[in-house]
Amino acid sequence: MAFWLTVHYPHPNADPDRHPWHVYLQEQFEDIARRFREGHRVMFYETLTHPRQRGVEPRTGSQGIVRVGTVSGPYAPRPPHLAIAEYEDGGVKNWRWGIPTKDVQRGFVARPQVLEQLGMGENGYLRGFGERHSGVREIGAAIFSALVQRGGPWRI
């Protein structure tokens, strides 16, 4: 079994559970998306801010791990109306790949504790984190377990 940490922008509404807690990857990272398997465990780190996206009300994030879930199916392409994000600075990103999760539980592990477990030091930067700046990184079972213990109790 594999364990993953993914960095998410804050969900774009007042109720973060209205938007699915899935792993989203930009179109150039299909090779990474392909490595996710049903049953893999995923931690969701929420950034403090979200780039201003056209037509989306931003929300301030928690700057820590806020959810833990289990991959529930294979990666799949997302429809363009959901995948294409246009930002107020003129940038456009295609979040083409979606990886569904289930059994998502809430908890919280603060940024300093996350950075410590990842061996990044107190000034570590998690935006653009992971393999090839994809926003995801496979982490070992020991790191996953240590972070779960720090964030408990986890609840649905």
C-alpha atoms as a PDB file:
ATOM      1  CA  MET A   1       0.000   0.000   0.000  1.00  0.00           C
ATOM      2  CA  ALA A   2       1.151   3.530  -0.742  1.00  0.00           C
ATOM      3  CA  PHE A   3       0.650   6.695   1.274  1.00  0.00           C
ATOM      4  CA  TRP A   4       0.360  10.146  -0.307  1.00  0.00           C
ATOM      5  CA  LEU A   5       0.330  13.778   0.734  1.00  0.00           C
ATOM      6  CA  THR A   6      -1.401  16.210  -1.608  1.00  0.00           C
ATOM      7  CA  VAL A   7      -1.444  19.980  -1.346  1.00  0.00           C
ATOM      8  CA  HIS A   8      -4.866  21.531  -1.992  1.00  0.00           C
ATOM      9  CA  TYR A   9      -6.007  25.099  -2.340  1.00  0.00           C
ATOM     10  CA  PRO A  10      -8.811  25.900   0.109  1.00  0.00           C
ATOM     11  CA  HIS A  11     -12.088  24.655  -1.284  1.00  0.00           C
ATOM     12  CA  PRO A  12     -13.874  27.581  -2.957  1.00  0.00           C
ATOM     13  CA  ASN A  13     -16.960  27.871  -0.749  1.00  0.00           C
ATOM     14  CA  ALA A  14     -18.016  28.273   2.840  1.00  0.00           C
ATOM     15  CA  ASP A  15     -18.647  24.533   3.251  1.00  0.00           C
ATOM     16  CA  PRO A  16     -15.471  22.692   2.191  1.00  0.00           C
ATOM     17  CA  ASP A  17     -17.255  19.332   2.119  1.00  0.00           C
ATOM     18  CA  ARG A  18     -19.581  20.428  -0.707  1.00  0.00           C
ATOM     19  CA  HIS A  19     -16.610  20.045  -3.052  1.00  0.00           C
ATOM     20  CA  PRO A  20     -15.188  16.489  -3.217  1.00  0.00           C
ATOM     21  CA  TRP A  21     -11.969  15.724  -1.413  1.00  0.00           C
ATOM     22  CA  HIS A  22     -10.251  14.168  -4.417  1.00  0.00           C
ATOM     23  CA  VAL A  23      -6.679  14.390  -5.632  1.00  0.00           C
ATOM     24  CA  TYR A  24      -6.408  16.741  -8.607  1.00  0.00           C
ATOM     25  CA  LEU A  25      -3.400  16.865 -10.903  1.00  0.00           C
ATOM     26  CA  GLN A  26      -2.591  19.102 -13.836  1.00  0.00           C
ATOM     27  CA  GLU A  27      -2.597  17.565 -17.297  1.00  0.00           C
ATOM     28  CA  GLN A  28       1.204  17.128 -17.488  1.00  0.00           C
ATOM     29  CA  PHE A  29       1.209  14.793 -14.457  1.00  0.00           C
ATOM     30  CA  GLU A  30      -0.736  11.843 -15.841  1.00  0.00           C
ATOM     31  CA  ASP A  31       2.231   9.566 -15.102  1.00  0.00           C
ATOM     32  CA  ILE A  32       1.909  10.427 -11.403  1.00  0.00           C
ATOM     33  CA  ALA A  33      -1.885  10.041 -11.414  1.00  0.00           C
ATOM     34  CA  ARG A  34      -1.440   6.577 -12.928  1.00  0.00           C
ATOM     35  CA  ARG A  35       0.471   5.443  -9.800  1.00  0.00           C
ATOM     36  CA  PHE A  36      -2.507   5.909  -7.475  1.00  0.00           C
ATOM     37  CA  ARG A  37      -4.394   2.697  -6.690  1.00  0.00           C
ATOM     38  CA  GLU A  38      -7.606   1.872  -4.903  1.00  0.00           C
ATOM     39  CA  GLY A  39      -6.873   1.501  -1.191  1.00  0.00           C
ATOM     40  CA  HIS A  40      -3.939   3.918  -1.138  1.00  0.00           C
ATOM     41  CA  ARG A  41      -4.193   6.424   1.704  1.00  0.00           C
ATOM     42  CA  VAL A  42      -4.125  10.189   1.082  1.00  0.00           C
ATOM     43  CA  MET A  43      -3.566  13.192   3.371  1.00  0.00           C
ATOM     44  CA  PHE A  44      -4.867  16.583   2.229  1.00  0.00           C
ATOM     45  CA  TYR A  45      -2.797  19.631   3.172  1.00  0.00           C
ATOM     46  CA  GLU A  46      -4.798  22.843   2.747  1.00  0.00           C
ATOM     47  CA  THR A  47      -2.880  26.003   1.824  1.00  0.00           C
ATOM     48  CA  LEU A  48      -3.634  29.311   3.519  1.00  0.00           C
ATOM     49  CA  THR A  49      -4.651  31.071   0.308  1.00  0.00           C
ATOM     50  CA  HIS A  50      -5.975  30.288  -3.158  1.00  0.00           C
ATOM     51  CA  PRO A  51      -4.927  32.142  -6.316  1.00  0.00           C
ATOM     52  CA  ARG A  52      -7.786  34.441  -7.309  1.00  0.00           C
ATOM     53  CA  GLN A  53      -9.850  32.442  -9.767  1.00  0.00           C
ATOM     54  CA  ARG A  54     -12.383  34.086 -12.058  1.00  0.00           C
ATOM     55  CA  GLY A  55     -15.921  33.526 -10.826  1.00  0.00           C
ATOM     56  CA  VAL A  56     -14.909  31.790  -7.588  1.00  0.00           C
ATOM     57  CA  GLU A  57     -15.209  33.287  -4.128  1.00  0.00           C
ATOM     58  CA  PRO A  58     -11.901  32.571  -2.328  1.00  0.00           C
ATOM     59  CA  ARG A  59     -11.756  31.107   1.153  1.00  0.00           C
ATOM     60  CA  THR A  60      -8.918  31.266   3.671  1.00  0.00           C
ATOM     61  CA  GLY A  61      -7.439  27.838   4.306  1.00  0.00           C
ATOM     62  CA  SER A  62      -6.181  26.169   7.449  1.00  0.00           C
ATOM     63  CA  GLN A  63      -2.503  25.793   6.487  1.00  0.00           C
ATOM     64  CA  GLY A  64      -2.269  22.206   7.632  1.00  0.00           C
ATOM     65  CA  ILE A  65      -3.472  18.681   6.977  1.00  0.00           C
ATOM     66  CA  VAL A  66      -7.253  18.836   7.220  1.00  0.00           C
ATOM     67  CA  ARG A  67      -8.472  15.519   5.790  1.00  0.00           C
ATOM     68  CA  VAL A  68      -7.386  11.900   5.374  1.00  0.00           C
ATOM     69  CA  GLY A  69      -9.027   9.580   2.867  1.00  0.00           C
ATOM     70  CA  THR A  70      -8.691   6.394   0.874  1.00  0.00           C
ATOM     71  CA  VAL A  71      -8.389   6.210  -2.918  1.00  0.00           C
ATOM     72  CA  SER A  72     -11.646   4.692  -4.161  1.00  0.00           C
ATOM     73  CA  GLY A  73     -11.030   4.249  -7.877  1.00  0.00           C
ATOM     74  CA  PRO A  74      -8.709   4.911 -10.804  1.00  0.00           C
ATOM     75  CA  TYR A  75      -7.663   8.324 -12.020  1.00  0.00           C
ATOM     76  CA  ALA A  76      -9.835   9.745 -14.773  1.00  0.00           C
ATOM     77  CA  PRO A  77     -10.012  12.835 -16.956  1.00  0.00           C
ATOM     78  CA  ARG A  78     -12.256  15.602 -15.660  1.00  0.00           C
ATOM     79  CA  PRO A  79     -14.657  17.471 -17.949  1.00  0.00           C
ATOM     80  CA  PRO A  80     -13.145  20.703 -19.263  1.00  0.00           C
ATOM     81  CA  HIS A  81     -15.745  22.884 -17.515  1.00  0.00           C
ATOM     82  CA  LEU A  82     -14.453  21.505 -14.192  1.00  0.00           C
ATOM     83  CA  ALA A  83     -10.787  21.033 -15.087  1.00  0.00           C
ATOM     84  CA  ILE A  84      -9.869  24.374 -16.675  1.00  0.00           C
ATOM     85  CA  ALA A  85      -9.165  27.092 -14.099  1.00  0.00           C
ATOM     86  CA  GLU A  86      -8.756  30.695 -15.240  1.00  0.00           C
ATOM     87  CA  TYR A  87      -7.027  32.944 -12.740  1.00  0.00           C
ATOM     88  CA  GLU A  88      -7.378  36.698 -12.343  1.00  0.00           C
ATOM     89  CA  ASP A  89      -3.671  37.163 -13.151  1.00  0.00           C
ATOM     90  CA  GLY A  90      -4.390  35.766 -16.634  1.00  0.00           C
ATOM     91  CA  GLY A  91      -3.004  32.301 -15.928  1.00  0.00           C
ATOM     92  CA  VAL A  92      -4.840  29.153 -16.973  1.00  0.00           C
ATOM     93  CA  LYS A  93      -4.317  25.665 -15.556  1.00  0.00           C
ATOM     94  CA  ASN A  94      -5.842  22.406 -16.648  1.00  0.00           C
ATOM     95  CA  TRP A  95      -6.518  20.233 -13.565  1.00  0.00           C
ATOM     96  CA  ARG A  96      -7.301  17.374 -15.941  1.00  0.00           C
ATOM     97  CA  TRP A  97      -6.825  14.346 -13.702  1.00  0.00           C
ATOM     98  CA  GLY A  98      -9.048  13.472 -10.781  1.00  0.00           C
ATOM     99  CA  ILE A  99      -8.487  10.633  -8.324  1.00  0.00           C
ATOM    100  CA  PRO A 100     -11.569   9.855  -6.214  1.00  0.00           C
ATOM    101  CA  THR A 101     -11.406   9.192  -2.506  1.00  0.00           C
ATOM    102  CA  LYS A 102     -13.801   7.818   0.096  1.00  0.00           C
ATOM    103  CA  ASP A 103     -14.004   7.505   3.872  1.00  0.00           C
ATOM    104  CA  VAL A 104     -12.687  11.044   4.211  1.00  0.00           C
ATOM    105  CA  GLN A 105     -12.129  12.040   7.804  1.00  0.00           C
ATOM    106  CA  ARG A 106     -11.476  15.439   9.377  1.00  0.00           C
ATOM    107  CA  GLY A 107      -8.623  16.248  11.673  1.00  0.00           C
ATOM    108  CA  PHE A 108      -5.855  18.793  11.787  1.00  0.00           C
ATOM    109  CA  VAL A 109      -2.075  18.737  11.728  1.00  0.00           C
ATOM    110  CA  ALA A 110      -0.534  22.218  11.778  1.00  0.00           C
ATOM    111  CA  ARG A 111       2.057  23.288   9.210  1.00  0.00           C
ATOM    112  CA  PRO A 112       5.043  23.237  11.631  1.00  0.00           C
ATOM    113  CA  GLN A 113       4.324  19.616  12.543  1.00  0.00           C
ATOM    114  CA  VAL A 114       3.901  18.659   8.879  1.00  0.00           C
ATOM    115  CA  LEU A 115       7.192  20.309   7.934  1.00  0.00           C
ATOM    116  CA  GLU A 116       8.954  18.607  10.837  1.00  0.00           C
ATOM    117  CA  GLN A 117       7.723  15.155   9.792  1.00  0.00           C
ATOM    118  CA  LEU A 118       8.735  15.805   6.182  1.00  0.00           C
ATOM    119  CA  GLY A 119      12.208  16.954   7.270  1.00  0.00           C
ATOM    120  CA  MET A 120      11.727  20.306   5.521  1.00  0.00           C
ATOM    121  CA  GLY A 121      12.639  22.719   8.311  1.00  0.00           C
ATOM    122  CA  GLU A 122      10.483  25.536   9.631  1.00  0.00           C
ATOM    123  CA  ASN A 123      10.698  27.591   6.420  1.00  0.00           C
ATOM    124  CA  GLY A 124       9.616  24.760   4.109  1.00  0.00           C
ATOM    125  CA  TYR A 125       7.305  25.743   1.285  1.00  0.00           C
ATOM    126  CA  LEU A 126       4.459  23.393   0.357  1.00  0.00           C
ATOM    127  CA  ARG A 127       2.959  25.149  -2.643  1.00  0.00           C
ATOM    128  CA  GLY A 128       4.393  23.477  -5.714  1.00  0.00           C
ATOM    129  CA  PHE A 129       5.542  20.706  -3.412  1.00  0.00           C
ATOM    130  CA  GLY A 130       6.119  17.140  -4.491  1.00  0.00           C
ATOM    131  CA  GLU A 131       7.408  15.294  -7.456  1.00  0.00           C
ATOM    132  CA  ARG A 132       8.144  17.734 -10.305  1.00  0.00           C
ATOM    133  CA  HIS A 133       6.124  20.396  -8.410  1.00  0.00           C
ATOM    134  CA  SER A 134       2.959  18.355  -8.986  1.00  0.00           C
ATOM    135  CA  GLY A 135       1.466  19.052  -5.560  1.00  0.00           C
ATOM    136  CA  VAL A 136       1.624  15.393  -4.511  1.00  0.00           C
ATOM    137  CA  ARG A 137       4.306  13.250  -2.963  1.00  0.00           C
ATOM    138  CA  GLU A 138       4.378   9.661  -1.907  1.00  0.00           C
ATOM    139  CA  ILE A 139       5.284   9.460   1.773  1.00  0.00           C
ATOM    140  CA  GLY A 140       6.274   6.428   3.799  1.00  0.00           C
ATOM    141  CA  ALA A 141       4.030   4.548   6.197  1.00  0.00           C
ATOM    142  CA  ALA A 142       5.990   5.858   9.206  1.00  0.00           C
ATOM    143  CA  ILE A 143       5.470   9.513   8.238  1.00  0.00           C
ATOM    144  CA  PHE A 144       1.803   8.883   7.472  1.00  0.00           C
ATOM    145  CA  SER A 145       1.292   7.158  10.804  1.00  0.00           C
ATOM    146  CA  ALA A 146       3.093   9.912  12.745  1.00  0.00           C
ATOM    147  CA  LEU A 147       0.968  12.599  11.092  1.00  0.00           C
ATOM    148  CA  VAL A 148      -2.269  10.665  11.708  1.00  0.00           C
ATOM    149  CA  GLN A 149      -1.358  10.381  15.379  1.00  0.00           C
ATOM    150  CA  ARG A 150      -0.718  14.130  15.624  1.00  0.00           C
ATOM    151  CA  GLY A 151      -3.988  15.045  13.920  1.00  0.00           C
ATOM    152  CA  GLY A 152      -6.399  12.875  15.810  1.00  0.00           C
ATOM    153  CA  PRO A 153      -9.003  12.179  16.659  1.00  0.00           C
ATOM    154  CA  TRP A 154     -10.031  11.865  13.008  1.00  0.00           C
ATOM    155  CA  ARG A 155     -13.773  11.935  12.402  1.00  0.00           C
ATOM    156  CA  ILE A 156     -16.186  11.819   9.507  1.00  0.00           C
END
